Amino acid sequence: MKKTAKSKGDINNHKRANHPGWIMALFFVFMTHTHLGYGQVKAGVRTSYMIDTINNINMELASIDNDLNVYVARKGYNVGVFTAFEMGRFSVRPELLYTVIEQNFRPPYILVRIQNVITNFTSTQWETPILLGYQLSDYLQIFAAPKWVVNQKSTYQNVRIPDLDRAASMELDLGFSIQMGALGLDIRYSHTSASSGAYFLQDPIEGKNQYIQSQGKYLHVGLSLFLL
């Protein structure tokens, strides 16, 4: 059954979300207070490698006005800083991360003229997860983290793709971490409910007139170094 094509305004409604400035303010309040009388505050740097847990997705393709199964391969990394406030077995750890993601899609050529579609591009974004943790033992902690993703931008062959700009969105991270001395290892899973689709560009780029809009569900393997 054919679907009615989405309007440009419907597709880009997510771009008008307000920047969660209070999250950034909270982060820097934590960063500037290294000691509180009733708890312990730590700070450090973190990096992680991330890979998408999904290798194919169903998405709407505007060029054929129907849904199609598309192979996808995504990976990336992020680097940033964090501060952690600990009180007993509970902790709150705001992070500020800069993320780079390499996007790779492969629609079936027999159904789609993929030479007209931007199938490989790079996305960058800022992330502000707030990890809410519980200490299971001296070394092991579990956590859940609401995460704000802001200022997402994408480029194809060093040319900006304005149609893929996202001002802000919210995701959820779940995971666990192990800390031994100044080093910490964490495994986390990022979940997003964003839909996927391939739509026409407002302005063609390098002979391409369509772009793919999709968000991954990533597994992160992270390493932290505690400096305070």
C-alpha atoms as a PDB file:
ATOM      1  CA  MET A   1       0.000   0.000   0.000  1.00  0.00           C
ATOM      2  CA  LYS A   2       1.366   3.430  -0.930  1.00  0.00           C
ATOM      3  CA  LYS A   3       1.857   6.125   1.663  1.00  0.00           C
ATOM      4  CA  THR A   4       1.330   9.838   1.387  1.00  0.00           C
ATOM      5  CA  ALA A   5       4.678  11.614   1.122  1.00  0.00           C
ATOM      6  CA  LYS A   6       5.644  13.663   4.140  1.00  0.00           C
ATOM      7  CA  SER A   7       5.910  17.397   3.791  1.00  0.00           C
ATOM      8  CA  LYS A   8       9.235  19.100   4.421  1.00  0.00           C
ATOM      9  CA  GLY A   9       7.804  20.744   7.521  1.00  0.00           C
ATOM     10  CA  ASP A  10       6.731  17.373   8.960  1.00  0.00           C
ATOM     11  CA  ILE A  11      10.140  15.839   8.293  1.00  0.00           C
ATOM     12  CA  ASN A  12      12.064  18.659   9.949  1.00  0.00           C
ATOM     13  CA  ASN A  13       9.822  19.374  12.954  1.00  0.00           C
ATOM     14  CA  HIS A  14      12.507  17.813  15.182  1.00  0.00           C
ATOM     15  CA  LYS A  15      14.943  20.558  14.190  1.00  0.00           C
ATOM     16  CA  ARG A  16      13.067  23.234  16.106  1.00  0.00           C
ATOM     17  CA  ALA A  17      13.555  21.691  19.564  1.00  0.00           C
ATOM     18  CA  ASN A  18      14.949  24.064  22.190  1.00  0.00           C
ATOM     19  CA  HIS A  19      18.535  23.647  23.345  1.00  0.00           C
ATOM     20  CA  PRO A  20      18.488  22.098  26.860  1.00  0.00           C
ATOM     21  CA  GLY A  21      20.649  24.861  28.328  1.00  0.00           C
ATOM     22  CA  TRP A  22      19.892  23.901  31.916  1.00  0.00           C
ATOM     23  CA  ILE A  23      21.660  20.581  31.350  1.00  0.00           C
ATOM     24  CA  MET A  24      24.829  22.388  30.288  1.00  0.00           C
ATOM     25  CA  ALA A  25      24.547  24.708  33.305  1.00  0.00           C
ATOM     26  CA  LEU A  26      24.188  21.729  35.652  1.00  0.00           C
ATOM     27  CA  PHE A  27      27.268  20.124  34.125  1.00  0.00           C
ATOM     28  CA  PHE A  28      29.466  23.150  34.717  1.00  0.00           C
ATOM     29  CA  VAL A  29      28.146  23.598  38.270  1.00  0.00           C
ATOM     30  CA  PHE A  30      29.385  20.077  38.979  1.00  0.00           C
ATOM     31  CA  MET A  31      32.694  20.747  37.233  1.00  0.00           C
ATOM     32  CA  THR A  32      33.459  23.833  39.328  1.00  0.00           C
ATOM     33  CA  HIS A  33      32.745  22.176  42.714  1.00  0.00           C
ATOM     34  CA  THR A  34      35.401  19.635  43.621  1.00  0.00           C
ATOM     35  CA  HIS A  35      34.358  19.089  47.206  1.00  0.00           C
ATOM     36  CA  LEU A  36      31.018  18.946  49.014  1.00  0.00           C
ATOM     37  CA  GLY A  37      30.748  18.336  52.745  1.00  0.00           C
ATOM     38  CA  TYR A  38      28.320  15.407  52.457  1.00  0.00           C
ATOM     39  CA  GLY A  39      29.635  13.614  49.395  1.00  0.00           C
ATOM     40  CA  GLN A  40      32.595  13.034  47.111  1.00  0.00           C
ATOM     41  CA  VAL A  41      33.153  14.619  43.715  1.00  0.00           C
ATOM     42  CA  LYS A  42      35.409  13.195  40.994  1.00  0.00           C
ATOM     43  CA  ALA A  43      36.217  14.414  37.485  1.00  0.00           C
ATOM     44  CA  GLY A  44      38.053  13.140  34.440  1.00  0.00           C
ATOM     45  CA  VAL A  45      38.088  12.451  30.715  1.00  0.00           C
ATOM     46  CA  ARG A  46      36.351   9.732  28.692  1.00  0.00           C
ATOM     47  CA  THR A  47      36.469   8.246  25.203  1.00  0.00           C
ATOM     48  CA  SER A  48      34.502   5.409  23.624  1.00  0.00           C
ATOM     49  CA  TYR A  49      34.133   3.396  20.440  1.00  0.00           C
ATOM     50  CA  MET A  50      30.568   2.868  19.251  1.00  0.00           C
ATOM     51  CA  ILE A  51      28.997   0.485  16.760  1.00  0.00           C
ATOM     52  CA  ASP A  52      25.393   0.225  15.607  1.00  0.00           C
ATOM     53  CA  THR A  53      23.573  -2.899  16.817  1.00  0.00           C
ATOM     54  CA  ILE A  54      21.253  -2.843  13.773  1.00  0.00           C
ATOM     55  CA  ASN A  55      22.407  -4.028  10.340  1.00  0.00           C
ATOM     56  CA  ASN A  56      19.195  -3.492   8.392  1.00  0.00           C
ATOM     57  CA  ILE A  57      16.196  -1.200   8.740  1.00  0.00           C
ATOM     58  CA  ASN A  58      12.823  -0.660   7.121  1.00  0.00           C
ATOM     59  CA  MET A  59      12.494   2.891   5.855  1.00  0.00           C
ATOM     60  CA  GLU A  60      10.187   4.961   3.704  1.00  0.00           C
ATOM     61  CA  LEU A  61      11.680   5.975   0.342  1.00  0.00           C
ATOM     62  CA  ALA A  62      10.093   9.042  -1.184  1.00  0.00           C
ATOM     63  CA  SER A  63      11.354   8.184  -4.685  1.00  0.00           C
ATOM     64  CA  ILE A  64       9.207   5.029  -4.867  1.00  0.00           C
ATOM     65  CA  ASP A  65       6.577   6.141  -2.310  1.00  0.00           C
ATOM     66  CA  ASN A  66       6.886   2.885  -0.387  1.00  0.00           C
ATOM     67  CA  ASP A  67       8.841   1.105   2.356  1.00  0.00           C
ATOM     68  CA  LEU A  68      12.067  -0.802   1.715  1.00  0.00           C
ATOM     69  CA  ASN A  69      14.560  -2.862   3.715  1.00  0.00           C
ATOM     70  CA  VAL A  70      18.001  -1.222   3.660  1.00  0.00           C
ATOM     71  CA  TYR A  71      21.366  -2.569   4.853  1.00  0.00           C
ATOM     72  CA  VAL A  72      23.127  -0.217   7.252  1.00  0.00           C
ATOM     73  CA  ALA A  73      26.596  -0.110   8.838  1.00  0.00           C
ATOM     74  CA  ARG A  74      27.417   2.649  11.315  1.00  0.00           C
ATOM     75  CA  LYS A  75      30.296   3.212  13.690  1.00  0.00           C
ATOM     76  CA  GLY A  76      31.859   6.127  15.499  1.00  0.00           C
ATOM     77  CA  TYR A  77      33.606   7.448  18.565  1.00  0.00           C
ATOM     78  CA  ASN A  78      33.308  10.196  21.138  1.00  0.00           C
ATOM     79  CA  VAL A  79      35.613  12.086  23.486  1.00  0.00           C
ATOM     80  CA  GLY A  80      34.816  14.378  26.369  1.00  0.00           C
ATOM     81  CA  VAL A  81      34.885  15.182  30.066  1.00  0.00           C
ATOM     82  CA  PHE A  82      32.815  14.203  33.077  1.00  0.00           C
ATOM     83  CA  THR A  83      32.294  14.877  36.737  1.00  0.00           C
ATOM     84  CA  ALA A  84      30.801  12.422  39.229  1.00  0.00           C
ATOM     85  CA  PHE A  85      29.121  13.175  42.544  1.00  0.00           C
ATOM     86  CA  GLU A  86      29.005  10.137  44.839  1.00  0.00           C
ATOM     87  CA  MET A  87      26.973   9.716  48.007  1.00  0.00           C
ATOM     88  CA  GLY A  88      26.961   6.248  49.517  1.00  0.00           C
ATOM     89  CA  ARG A  89      26.067   3.691  46.852  1.00  0.00           C
ATOM     90  CA  PHE A  90      24.393   6.282  44.617  1.00  0.00           C
ATOM     91  CA  SER A  91      26.033   8.619  42.111  1.00  0.00           C
ATOM     92  CA  VAL A  92      25.225  11.264  39.508  1.00  0.00           C
ATOM     93  CA  ARG A  93      27.685  11.673  36.634  1.00  0.00           C
ATOM     94  CA  PRO A  94      27.096  14.406  34.014  1.00  0.00           C
ATOM     95  CA  GLU A  95      29.211  14.099  30.856  1.00  0.00           C
ATOM     96  CA  LEU A  96      29.932  16.397  27.932  1.00  0.00           C
ATOM     97  CA  LEU A  97      30.900  14.422  24.812  1.00  0.00           C
ATOM     98  CA  TYR A  98      31.722  15.269  21.210  1.00  0.00           C
ATOM     99  CA  THR A  99      30.645  12.447  18.893  1.00  0.00           C
ATOM    100  CA  VAL A 100      31.575  11.537  15.307  1.00  0.00           C
ATOM    101  CA  ILE A 101      29.564   8.885  13.407  1.00  0.00           C
ATOM    102  CA  GLU A 102      30.325   7.358  10.002  1.00  0.00           C
ATOM    103  CA  GLN A 103      27.025   6.476   8.282  1.00  0.00           C
ATOM    104  CA  ASN A 104      26.808   3.844   5.522  1.00  0.00           C
ATOM    105  CA  PHE A 105      23.576   2.701   3.817  1.00  0.00           C
ATOM    106  CA  ARG A 106      23.004   0.231   0.965  1.00  0.00           C
ATOM    107  CA  PRO A 107      19.496   0.328  -0.605  1.00  0.00           C
ATOM    108  CA  PRO A 108      18.773  -2.447  -3.171  1.00  0.00           C
ATOM    109  CA  TYR A 109      19.978  -1.104  -6.535  1.00  0.00           C
ATOM    110  CA  ILE A 110      17.302  -3.001  -8.451  1.00  0.00           C
ATOM    111  CA  LEU A 111      14.575  -0.879  -6.828  1.00  0.00           C
ATOM    112  CA  VAL A 112      16.354   2.427  -6.195  1.00  0.00           C
ATOM    113  CA  ARG A 113      18.747   4.457  -8.326  1.00  0.00           C
ATOM    114  CA  ILE A 114      21.294   4.690  -5.542  1.00  0.00           C
ATOM    115  CA  GLN A 115      23.524   6.982  -7.598  1.00  0.00           C
ATOM    116  CA  ASN A 116      20.967   9.696  -6.743  1.00  0.00           C
ATOM    117  CA  VAL A 117      21.044   8.996  -2.983  1.00  0.00           C
ATOM    118  CA  ILE A 118      23.619  10.149  -0.412  1.00  0.00           C
ATOM    119  CA  THR A 119      24.386   6.756   1.148  1.00  0.00           C
ATOM    120  CA  ASN A 120      27.685   7.569   2.922  1.00  0.00           C
ATOM    121  CA  PHE A 121      28.144  10.613   5.121  1.00  0.00           C
ATOM    122  CA  THR A 122      29.609  11.777   8.430  1.00  0.00           C
ATOM    123  CA  SER A 123      27.583  13.120  11.360  1.00  0.00           C
ATOM    124  CA  THR A 124      28.844  15.087  14.359  1.00  0.00           C
ATOM    125  CA  GLN A 125      26.981  16.048  17.529  1.00  0.00           C
ATOM    126  CA  TRP A 126      27.318  17.065  21.170  1.00  0.00           C
ATOM    127  CA  GLU A 127      25.921  14.748  23.846  1.00  0.00           C
ATOM    128  CA  THR A 128      25.121  15.459  27.510  1.00  0.00           C
ATOM    129  CA  PRO A 129      24.229  12.200  29.278  1.00  0.00           C
ATOM    130  CA  ILE A 130      23.437  12.308  33.009  1.00  0.00           C
ATOM    131  CA  LEU A 131      24.398   8.913  34.458  1.00  0.00           C
ATOM    132  CA  LEU A 132      22.355   7.864  37.500  1.00  0.00           C
ATOM    133  CA  GLY A 133      24.342   5.047  39.061  1.00  0.00           C
ATOM    134  CA  TYR A 134      24.110   2.447  41.806  1.00  0.00           C
ATOM    135  CA  GLN A 135      27.222   0.750  43.215  1.00  0.00           C
ATOM    136  CA  LEU A 136      26.811  -3.048  43.365  1.00  0.00           C
ATOM    137  CA  SER A 137      30.315  -3.652  44.736  1.00  0.00           C
ATOM    138  CA  ASP A 138      33.621  -1.857  45.246  1.00  0.00           C
ATOM    139  CA  TYR A 139      34.312  -2.115  41.506  1.00  0.00           C
ATOM    140  CA  LEU A 140      30.986  -2.659  39.703  1.00  0.00           C
ATOM    141  CA  GLN A 141      28.269  -0.085  39.048  1.00  0.00           C
ATOM    142  CA  ILE A 142      25.065  -0.124  36.984  1.00  0.00           C
ATOM    143  CA  PHE A 143      23.500   3.034  35.568  1.00  0.00           C
ATOM    144  CA  ALA A 144      20.747   4.570  33.485  1.00  0.00           C
ATOM    145  CA  ALA A 145      21.272   7.875  31.702  1.00  0.00           C
ATOM    146  CA  PRO A 146      18.858  10.256  30.031  1.00  0.00           C
ATOM    147  CA  LYS A 147      20.900  11.836  27.232  1.00  0.00           C
ATOM    148  CA  TRP A 148      20.407  15.068  25.323  1.00  0.00           C
ATOM    149  CA  VAL A 149      21.871  15.135  21.815  1.00  0.00           C
ATOM    150  CA  VAL A 150      22.339  18.646  20.426  1.00  0.00           C
ATOM    151  CA  ASN A 151      23.652  20.397  17.324  1.00  0.00           C
ATOM    152  CA  GLN A 152      23.778  17.324  15.089  1.00  0.00           C
ATOM    153  CA  LYS A 153      25.236  18.140  11.673  1.00  0.00           C
ATOM    154  CA  SER A 154      26.151  15.969   8.677  1.00  0.00           C
ATOM    155  CA  THR A 155      28.487  16.336   5.710  1.00  0.00           C
ATOM    156  CA  TYR A 156      28.956  14.520   2.395  1.00  0.00           C
ATOM    157  CA  GLN A 157      32.385  14.889   0.782  1.00  0.00           C
ATOM    158  CA  ASN A 158      32.993  17.914   3.054  1.00  0.00           C
ATOM    159  CA  VAL A 159      29.726  19.541   1.914  1.00  0.00           C
ATOM    160  CA  ARG A 160      27.136  20.283   4.604  1.00  0.00           C
ATOM    161  CA  ILE A 161      23.717  18.545   4.338  1.00  0.00           C
ATOM    162  CA  PRO A 162      21.314  21.108   5.901  1.00  0.00           C
ATOM    163  CA  ASP A 163      18.338  18.719   5.605  1.00  0.00           C
ATOM    164  CA  LEU A 164      19.966  16.484   8.243  1.00  0.00           C
ATOM    165  CA  ASP A 165      20.510  19.199  10.860  1.00  0.00           C
ATOM    166  CA  ARG A 166      18.917  18.342  14.233  1.00  0.00           C
ATOM    167  CA  ALA A 167      18.805  20.995  16.936  1.00  0.00           C
ATOM    168  CA  ALA A 168      18.114  18.638  19.842  1.00  0.00           C
ATOM    169  CA  SER A 169      16.749  15.204  20.694  1.00  0.00           C
ATOM    170  CA  MET A 170      16.615  12.921  23.723  1.00  0.00           C
ATOM    171  CA  GLU A 171      17.833   9.328  24.067  1.00  0.00           C
ATOM    172  CA  LEU A 172      18.379   6.797  26.851  1.00  0.00           C
ATOM    173  CA  ASP A 173      21.609   4.987  27.792  1.00  0.00           C
ATOM    174  CA  LEU A 174      21.741   1.828  29.930  1.00  0.00           C
ATOM    175  CA  GLY A 175      24.876   0.065  31.059  1.00  0.00           C
ATOM    176  CA  PHE A 176      27.452  -0.878  33.660  1.00  0.00           C
ATOM    177  CA  SER A 177      30.958   0.230  34.573  1.00  0.00           C
ATOM    178  CA  ILE A 178      34.007  -1.204  36.302  1.00  0.00           C
ATOM    179  CA  GLN A 179      36.495   1.069  38.059  1.00  0.00           C
ATOM    180  CA  MET A 180      39.941   0.082  39.264  1.00  0.00           C
ATOM    181  CA  GLY A 181      42.021   2.944  40.580  1.00  0.00           C
ATOM    182  CA  ALA A 182      42.093   5.869  38.162  1.00  0.00           C
ATOM    183  CA  LEU A 183      40.796   3.805  35.219  1.00  0.00           C
ATOM    184  CA  GLY A 184      37.211   2.942  34.421  1.00  0.00           C
ATOM    185  CA  LEU A 185      35.669   0.719  31.748  1.00  0.00           C
ATOM    186  CA  ASP A 186      32.009   1.028  30.796  1.00  0.00           C
ATOM    187  CA  ILE A 187      29.646  -0.748  28.417  1.00  0.00           C
ATOM    188  CA  ARG A 188      26.477   1.108  27.487  1.00  0.00           C
ATOM    189  CA  TYR A 189      23.607   0.770  25.057  1.00  0.00           C
ATOM    190  CA  SER A 190      21.983   3.844  23.487  1.00  0.00           C
ATOM    191  CA  HIS A 191      18.340   3.637  22.498  1.00  0.00           C
ATOM    192  CA  THR A 192      16.429   6.038  20.259  1.00  0.00           C
ATOM    193  CA  SER A 193      12.906   5.790  18.859  1.00  0.00           C
ATOM    194  CA  ALA A 194      13.538   8.037  15.830  1.00  0.00           C
ATOM    195  CA  SER A 195      12.057   6.854  12.516  1.00  0.00           C
ATOM    196  CA  SER A 196      13.996   6.279   9.284  1.00  0.00           C
ATOM    197  CA  GLY A 197      13.396   7.381   5.712  1.00  0.00           C
ATOM    198  CA  ALA A 198      14.906   8.592   2.446  1.00  0.00           C
ATOM    199  CA  TYR A 199      13.674  11.962   1.231  1.00  0.00           C
ATOM    200  CA  PHE A 200      14.356  14.502  -1.499  1.00  0.00           C
ATOM    201  CA  LEU A 201      16.926  17.224  -0.804  1.00  0.00           C
ATOM    202  CA  GLN A 202      15.853  20.830  -0.996  1.00  0.00           C
ATOM    203  CA  ASP A 203      19.038  21.525  -2.949  1.00  0.00           C
ATOM    204  CA  PRO A 204      20.954  18.691  -4.715  1.00  0.00           C
ATOM    205  CA  ILE A 205      24.541  18.089  -3.542  1.00  0.00           C
ATOM    206  CA  GLU A 206      27.245  16.792  -5.897  1.00  0.00           C
ATOM    207  CA  GLY A 207      24.612  15.328  -8.245  1.00  0.00           C
ATOM    208  CA  LYS A 208      22.651  13.693  -5.390  1.00  0.00           C
ATOM    209  CA  ASN A 209      18.999  14.640  -4.896  1.00  0.00           C
ATOM    210  CA  GLN A 210      18.016  12.363  -1.973  1.00  0.00           C
ATOM    211  CA  TYR A 211      19.261  11.866   1.591  1.00  0.00           C
ATOM    212  CA  ILE A 212      18.689   9.246   4.295  1.00  0.00           C
ATOM    213  CA  GLN A 213      17.446  10.224   7.743  1.00  0.00           C
ATOM    214  CA  SER A 214      18.065   7.564  10.400  1.00  0.00           C
ATOM    215  CA  GLN A 215      19.368   7.265  13.967  1.00  0.00           C
ATOM    216  CA  GLY A 216      21.223   4.185  15.230  1.00  0.00           C
ATOM    217  CA  LYS A 217      21.035   2.102  18.389  1.00  0.00           C
ATOM    218  CA  TYR A 218      24.633   1.927  19.500  1.00  0.00           C
ATOM    219  CA  LEU A 219      26.753  -0.246  21.742  1.00  0.00           C
ATOM    220  CA  HIS A 220      29.509   1.815  23.386  1.00  0.00           C
ATOM    221  CA  VAL A 221      32.764   0.532  24.842  1.00  0.00           C
ATOM    222  CA  GLY A 222      34.222   3.366  26.885  1.00  0.00           C
ATOM    223  CA  LEU A 223      37.378   4.129  28.838  1.00  0.00           C
ATOM    224  CA  SER A 224      37.518   6.767  31.582  1.00  0.00           C
ATOM    225  CA  LEU A 225      40.504   8.331  33.292  1.00  0.00           C
ATOM    226  CA  PHE A 226      39.806   9.918  36.693  1.00  0.00           C
ATOM    227  CA  LEU A 227      41.910  13.047  37.209  1.00  0.00           C
ATOM    228  CA  LEU A 228      40.379  14.185  40.522  1.00  0.00           C
END
